[in-house]
């Protein structure tokens, strides 16, 4: 439903934020604030929708992924 589509959009935003952070175009403090906000909205959507929260894949410098 709607919560699923919003969650997908948040994952896409998170991916773009990760890429900005990897290239150095996004300061660490801004990255942390944006990431925390996305995670909070994702948690709220999970509560509304009743579905389990899916952890996003986080990219790290050097090409490794968590």
PDB file of N, CA and C in Angstrom:
ATOM      1  N   UNK A   1       0.805  -1.184   0.000  1.00  0.00           N
ATOM      2  CA  UNK A   1       0.000   0.000   0.000  1.00  0.00           C
ATOM      3  C   UNK A   1       0.847   1.246   0.000  1.00  0.00           C
ATOM      4  N   UNK A   2       0.244   2.269   0.484  1.00  0.00           N
ATOM      5  CA  UNK A   2       0.897   3.583   0.523  1.00  0.00           C
ATOM      6  C   UNK A   2       2.170   3.568   1.359  1.00  0.00           C
ATOM      7  N   UNK A   3       2.120   2.916   2.507  1.00  0.00           N
ATOM      8  CA  UNK A   3       3.304   2.869   3.374  1.00  0.00           C
ATOM      9  C   UNK A   3       4.472   2.194   2.654  1.00  0.00           C
ATOM     10  N   UNK A   4       4.190   1.166   1.880  1.00  0.00           N
ATOM     11  CA  UNK A   4       5.230   0.465   1.132  1.00  0.00           C
ATOM     12  C   UNK A   4       5.869   1.391   0.095  1.00  0.00           C
ATOM     13  N   UNK A   5       5.051   2.143  -0.611  1.00  0.00           N
ATOM     14  CA  UNK A   5       5.572   3.086  -1.614  1.00  0.00           C
ATOM     15  C   UNK A   5       6.397   4.190  -0.964  1.00  0.00           C
ATOM     16  N   UNK A   6       5.953   4.680   0.175  1.00  0.00           N
ATOM     17  CA  UNK A   6       6.728   5.699   0.893  1.00  0.00           C
ATOM     18  C   UNK A   6       8.059   5.104   1.345  1.00  0.00           C
ATOM     19  N   UNK A   7       8.028   3.856   1.838  1.00  0.00           N
ATOM     20  CA  UNK A   7       9.263   3.184   2.249  1.00  0.00           C
ATOM     21  C   UNK A   7      10.230   3.029   1.098  1.00  0.00           C
ATOM     22  N   UNK A   8       9.721   2.673  -0.066  1.00  0.00           N
ATOM     23  CA  UNK A   8      10.581   2.559  -1.256  1.00  0.00           C
ATOM     24  C   UNK A   8      11.210   3.899  -1.612  1.00  0.00           C
ATOM     25  N   UNK A   9      10.443   4.959  -1.505  1.00  0.00           N
ATOM     26  CA  UNK A   9      10.974   6.301  -1.793  1.00  0.00           C
ATOM     27  C   UNK A   9      12.057   6.671  -0.794  1.00  0.00           C
ATOM     28  N   UNK A  10      11.848   6.339   0.470  1.00  0.00           N
ATOM     29  CA  UNK A  10      12.862   6.625   1.486  1.00  0.00           C
ATOM     30  C   UNK A  10      14.147   5.848   1.225  1.00  0.00           C
ATOM     31  N   UNK A  11      14.022   4.602   0.771  1.00  0.00           N
ATOM     32  CA  UNK A  11      15.211   3.814   0.443  1.00  0.00           C
ATOM     33  C   UNK A  11      15.965   4.442  -0.726  1.00  0.00           C
ATOM     34  N   UNK A  12      15.244   4.945  -1.715  1.00  0.00           N
ATOM     35  CA  UNK A  12      15.889   5.600  -2.852  1.00  0.00           C
ATOM     36  C   UNK A  12      16.621   6.869  -2.400  1.00  0.00           C
ATOM     37  N   UNK A  13      15.981   7.637  -1.524  1.00  0.00           N
ATOM     38  CA  UNK A  13      16.613   8.848  -0.988  1.00  0.00           C
ATOM     39  C   UNK A  13      17.859   8.475  -0.208  1.00  0.00           C
ATOM     40  N   UNK A  14      17.753   7.441   0.609  1.00  0.00           N
ATOM     41  CA  UNK A  14      18.897   6.999   1.409  1.00  0.00           C
ATOM     42  C   UNK A  14      20.060   6.597   0.505  1.00  0.00           C
ATOM     43  N   UNK A  15      19.770   5.928  -0.592  1.00  0.00           N
ATOM     44  CA  UNK A  15      20.820   5.545  -1.526  1.00  0.00           C
ATOM     45  C   UNK A  15      21.532   6.752  -2.115  1.00  0.00           C
ATOM     46  N   UNK A  16      20.778   7.762  -2.465  1.00  0.00           N
ATOM     47  CA  UNK A  16      21.376   8.986  -3.022  1.00  0.00           C
ATOM     48  C   UNK A  16      22.208   9.709  -1.973  1.00  0.00           C
ATOM     49  N   UNK A  17      21.727   9.738  -0.746  1.00  0.00           N
ATOM     50  CA  UNK A  17      22.473  10.368   0.351  1.00  0.00           C
ATOM     51  C   UNK A  17      23.782   9.615   0.585  1.00  0.00           C
ATOM     52  N   UNK A  18      23.731   8.281   0.544  1.00  0.00           N
ATOM     53  CA  UNK A  18      24.952   7.483   0.697  1.00  0.00           C
ATOM     54  C   UNK A  18      25.960   7.820  -0.399  1.00  0.00           C
ATOM     55  N   UNK A  19      25.481   7.961  -1.638  1.00  0.00           N
ATOM     56  CA  UNK A  19      26.388   8.299  -2.735  1.00  0.00           C
ATOM     57  C   UNK A  19      27.009   9.681  -2.547  1.00  0.00           C
ATOM     58  N   UNK A  20      26.214  10.645  -2.117  1.00  0.00           N
ATOM     59  CA  UNK A  20      26.759  11.978  -1.849  1.00  0.00           C
ATOM     60  C   UNK A  20      27.825  11.919  -0.761  1.00  0.00           C
ATOM     61  N   UNK A  21      27.572  11.132   0.263  1.00  0.00           N
ATOM     62  CA  UNK A  21      28.526  11.005   1.354  1.00  0.00           C
ATOM     63  C   UNK A  21      29.815  10.348   0.872  1.00  0.00           C
ATOM     64  N   UNK A  22      29.696   9.327   0.028  1.00  0.00           N
ATOM     65  CA  UNK A  22      30.881   8.636  -0.488  1.00  0.00           C
ATOM     66  C   UNK A  22      31.764   9.553  -1.324  1.00  0.00           C
ATOM     67  N   UNK A  23      31.148  10.450  -2.060  1.00  0.00           N
ATOM     68  CA  UNK A  23      31.925  11.354  -2.920  1.00  0.00           C
ATOM     69  C   UNK A  23      32.490  12.541  -2.149  1.00  0.00           C
ATOM     70  N   UNK A  24      32.115  12.667  -0.888  1.00  0.00           N
ATOM     71  CA  UNK A  24      32.612  13.772  -0.082  1.00  0.00           C
ATOM     72  C   UNK A  24      31.812  15.049  -0.266  1.00  0.00           C
ATOM     73  N   UNK A  25      30.699  14.978  -0.989  1.00  0.00           N
ATOM     74  CA  UNK A  25      29.888  16.162  -1.255  1.00  0.00           C
ATOM     75  C   UNK A  25      28.906  16.464  -0.121  1.00  0.00           C
ATOM     76  N   UNK A  26      28.872  15.601   0.889  1.00  0.00           N
ATOM     77  CA  UNK A  26      27.928  15.780   1.992  1.00  0.00           C
ATOM     78  C   UNK A  26      28.690  15.666   3.301  1.00  0.00           C
ATOM     79  N   UNK A  27      28.715  16.729   4.098  1.00  0.00           N
ATOM     80  CA  UNK A  27      29.434  16.681   5.377  1.00  0.00           C
ATOM     81  C   UNK A  27      28.859  15.593   6.304  1.00  0.00           C
ATOM     82  N   UNK A  28      29.719  15.038   7.143  1.00  0.00           N
ATOM     83  CA  UNK A  28      29.319  13.955   8.040  1.00  0.00           C
ATOM     84  C   UNK A  28      28.123  14.339   8.903  1.00  0.00           C
ATOM     85  N   UNK A  29      28.119  15.539   9.437  1.00  0.00           N
ATOM     86  CA  UNK A  29      27.014  15.966  10.310  1.00  0.00           C
ATOM     87  C   UNK A  29      25.685  15.972   9.545  1.00  0.00           C
ATOM     88  N   UNK A  30      25.703  16.485   8.323  1.00  0.00           N
ATOM     89  CA  UNK A  30      24.492  16.502   7.505  1.00  0.00           C
ATOM     90  C   UNK A  30      24.063  15.081   7.158  1.00  0.00           C
ATOM     91  N   UNK A  31      25.025  14.235   6.812  1.00  0.00           N
ATOM     92  CA  UNK A  31      24.732  12.837   6.512  1.00  0.00           C
ATOM     93  C   UNK A  31      24.048  12.169   7.706  1.00  0.00           C
ATOM     94  N   UNK A  32      24.605  12.379   8.890  1.00  0.00           N
ATOM     95  CA  UNK A  32      24.038  11.775  10.102  1.00  0.00           C
ATOM     96  C   UNK A  32      22.623  12.277  10.365  1.00  0.00           C
ATOM     97  N   UNK A  33      22.396  13.578  10.213  1.00  0.00           N
ATOM     98  CA  UNK A  33      21.067  14.156  10.450  1.00  0.00           C
ATOM     99  C   UNK A  33      20.034  13.621   9.453  1.00  0.00           C
ATOM    100  N   UNK A  34      20.408  13.586   8.188  1.00  0.00           N
ATOM    101  CA  UNK A  34      19.492  13.096   7.156  1.00  0.00           C
ATOM    102  C   UNK A  34      19.190  11.615   7.379  1.00  0.00           C
ATOM    103  N   UNK A  35      20.231  10.835   7.641  1.00  0.00           N
ATOM    104  CA  UNK A  35      20.062   9.401   7.866  1.00  0.00           C
ATOM    105  C   UNK A  35      19.160   9.131   9.063  1.00  0.00           C
ATOM    106  N   UNK A  36      19.365   9.864  10.138  1.00  0.00           N
ATOM    107  CA  UNK A  36      18.532   9.687  11.330  1.00  0.00           C
ATOM    108  C   UNK A  36      17.067  10.021  11.019  1.00  0.00           C
ATOM    109  N   UNK A  37      16.835  11.088  10.284  1.00  0.00           N
ATOM    110  CA  UNK A  37      15.473  11.462   9.911  1.00  0.00           C
ATOM    111  C   UNK A  37      14.801  10.395   9.057  1.00  0.00           C
ATOM    112  N   UNK A  38      15.535   9.852   8.092  1.00  0.00           N
ATOM    113  CA  UNK A  38      14.989   8.801   7.234  1.00  0.00           C
ATOM    114  C   UNK A  38      14.646   7.574   8.076  1.00  0.00           C
ATOM    115  N   UNK A  39      15.530   7.202   8.977  1.00  0.00           N
ATOM    116  CA  UNK A  39      15.289   6.029   9.818  1.00  0.00           C
ATOM    117  C   UNK A  39      14.076   6.236  10.724  1.00  0.00           C
ATOM    118  N   UNK A  40      13.893   7.440  11.253  1.00  0.00           N
ATOM    119  CA  UNK A  40      12.737   7.720  12.098  1.00  0.00           C
ATOM    120  C   UNK A  40      11.434   7.602  11.309  1.00  0.00           C
ATOM    121  N   UNK A  41      11.403   8.165  10.108  1.00  0.00           N
ATOM    122  CA  UNK A  41      10.198   8.067   9.279  1.00  0.00           C
ATOM    123  C   UNK A  41       9.936   6.612   8.892  1.00  0.00           C
ATOM    124  N   UNK A  42      10.993   5.870   8.571  1.00  0.00           N
ATOM    125  CA  UNK A  42      10.843   4.455   8.231  1.00  0.00           C
ATOM    126  C   UNK A  42      10.272   3.669   9.409  1.00  0.00           C
ATOM    127  N   UNK A  43      10.755   3.955  10.608  1.00  0.00           N
ATOM    128  CA  UNK A  43      10.223   3.288  11.802  1.00  0.00           C
ATOM    129  C   UNK A  43       8.750   3.606  11.999  1.00  0.00           C
ATOM    130  N   UNK A  44       8.370   4.863  11.813  1.00  0.00           N
ATOM    131  CA  UNK A  44       6.967   5.253  11.955  1.00  0.00           C
ATOM    132  C   UNK A  44       6.093   4.550  10.921  1.00  0.00           C
ATOM    133  N   UNK A  45       6.582   4.453   9.693  1.00  0.00           N
ATOM    134  CA  UNK A  45       5.831   3.745   8.654  1.00  0.00           C
ATOM    135  C   UNK A  45       5.640   2.279   9.008  1.00  0.00           C
ATOM    136  N   UNK A  46       6.666   1.672   9.588  1.00  0.00           N
ATOM    137  CA  UNK A  46       6.559   0.275  10.000  1.00  0.00           C
ATOM    138  C   UNK A  46       5.493   0.103  11.070  1.00  0.00           C
ATOM    139  N   UNK A  47       5.425   1.053  11.992  1.00  0.00           N
ATOM    140  CA  UNK A  47       4.398   1.003  13.030  1.00  0.00           C
ATOM    141  C   UNK A  47       2.999   1.149  12.433  1.00  0.00           C
ATOM    142  N   UNK A  48       2.851   2.062  11.491  1.00  0.00           N
ATOM    143  CA  UNK A  48       1.556   2.295  10.857  1.00  0.00           C
ATOM    144  C   UNK A  48       1.140   1.083  10.027  1.00  0.00           C
ATOM    145  N   UNK A  49       2.081   0.565   9.250  1.00  0.00           N
ATOM    146  CA  UNK A  49       1.793  -0.517   8.316  1.00  0.00           C
ATOM    147  C   UNK A  49       1.777  -1.888   8.993  1.00  0.00           C
ATOM    148  N   UNK A  50       2.453  -1.998  10.126  1.00  0.00           N
ATOM    149  CA  UNK A  50       2.522  -3.271  10.827  1.00  0.00           C
ATOM    150  C   UNK A  50       3.493  -4.258  10.224  1.00  0.00           C
ATOM    151  N   UNK A  51       4.325  -3.796   9.304  1.00  0.00           N
ATOM    152  CA  UNK A  51       5.303  -4.691   8.682  1.00  0.00           C
ATOM    153  C   UNK A  51       6.662  -4.471   9.330  1.00  0.00           C
ATOM    154  N   UNK A  52       7.524  -5.497   9.274  1.00  0.00           N
ATOM    155  CA  UNK A  52       8.853  -5.349   9.868  1.00  0.00           C
ATOM    156  C   UNK A  52       9.683  -4.322   9.112  1.00  0.00           C
ATOM    157  N   UNK A  53      10.562  -3.673   9.825  1.00  0.00           N
ATOM    158  CA  UNK A  53      11.447  -2.667   9.246  1.00  0.00           C
ATOM    159  C   UNK A  53      12.569  -3.362   8.495  1.00  0.00           C
ATOM    160  N   UNK A  54      12.872  -2.863   7.305  1.00  0.00           N
ATOM    161  CA  UNK A  54      13.972  -3.401   6.507  1.00  0.00           C
ATOM    162  C   UNK A  54      15.140  -2.446   6.630  1.00  0.00           C
ATOM    163  N   UNK A  55      16.297  -2.980   7.017  1.00  0.00           N
ATOM    164  CA  UNK A  55      17.494  -2.153   7.154  1.00  0.00           C
ATOM    165  C   UNK A  55      18.051  -1.821   5.778  1.00  0.00           C
ATOM    166  N   UNK A  56      18.378  -0.549   5.538  1.00  0.00           N
ATOM    167  CA  UNK A  56      18.981  -0.189   4.255  1.00  0.00           C
ATOM    168  C   UNK A  56      20.428  -0.668   4.183  1.00  0.00           C
ATOM    169  N   UNK A  57      20.894  -0.908   2.978  1.00  0.00           N
ATOM    170  CA  UNK A  57      22.301  -1.241   2.776  1.00  0.00           C
ATOM    171  C   UNK A  57      23.072   0.065   2.815  1.00  0.00           C
ATOM    172  N   UNK A  58      24.113   0.106   3.630  1.00  0.00           N
ATOM    173  CA  UNK A  58      24.919   1.309   3.751  1.00  0.00           C
ATOM    174  C   UNK A  58      26.241   1.099   3.034  1.00  0.00           C
ATOM    175  N   UNK A  59      26.579   2.030   2.163  1.00  0.00           N
ATOM    176  CA  UNK A  59      27.833   1.968   1.430  1.00  0.00           C
ATOM    177  C   UNK A  59      28.908   2.689   2.223  1.00  0.00           C
ATOM    178  N   UNK A  60      30.133   2.205   2.117  1.00  0.00           N
ATOM    179  CA  UNK A  60      31.262   2.825   2.799  1.00  0.00           C
ATOM    180  C   UNK A  60      32.348   3.131   1.790  1.00  0.00           C
ATOM    181  N   UNK A  61      33.161   4.110   2.094  1.00  0.00           N
ATOM    182  CA  UNK A  61      34.264   4.448   1.214  1.00  0.00           C
ATOM    183  C   UNK A  61      35.144   3.229   1.015  1.00  0.00           C
ATOM    184  N   UNK A  62      35.700   3.096  -0.169  1.00  0.00           N
ATOM    185  CA  UNK A  62      36.554   1.964  -0.491  1.00  0.00           C
ATOM    186  C   UNK A  62      35.791   0.836  -1.162  1.00  0.00           C
ATOM    187  N   UNK A  63      34.510   1.042  -1.431  1.00  0.00           N
ATOM    188  CA  UNK A  63      33.748   0.076  -2.186  1.00  0.00           C
ATOM    189  C   UNK A  63      33.107  -1.033  -1.369  1.00  0.00           C
ATOM    190  N   UNK A  64      33.365  -1.100  -0.058  1.00  0.00           N
ATOM    191  CA  UNK A  64      32.735  -2.154   0.728  1.00  0.00           C
ATOM    192  C   UNK A  64      31.342  -1.733   1.143  1.00  0.00           C
ATOM    193  N   UNK A  65      30.501  -2.729   1.401  1.00  0.00           N
ATOM    194  CA  UNK A  65      29.131  -2.450   1.797  1.00  0.00           C
ATOM    195  C   UNK A  65      28.851  -3.147   3.103  1.00  0.00           C
ATOM    196  N   UNK A  66      27.957  -2.557   3.899  1.00  0.00           N
ATOM    197  CA  UNK A  66      27.537  -3.159   5.153  1.00  0.00           C
ATOM    198  C   UNK A  66      26.213  -3.812   4.959  1.00  0.00           C
TER     199      UNK A  66
END
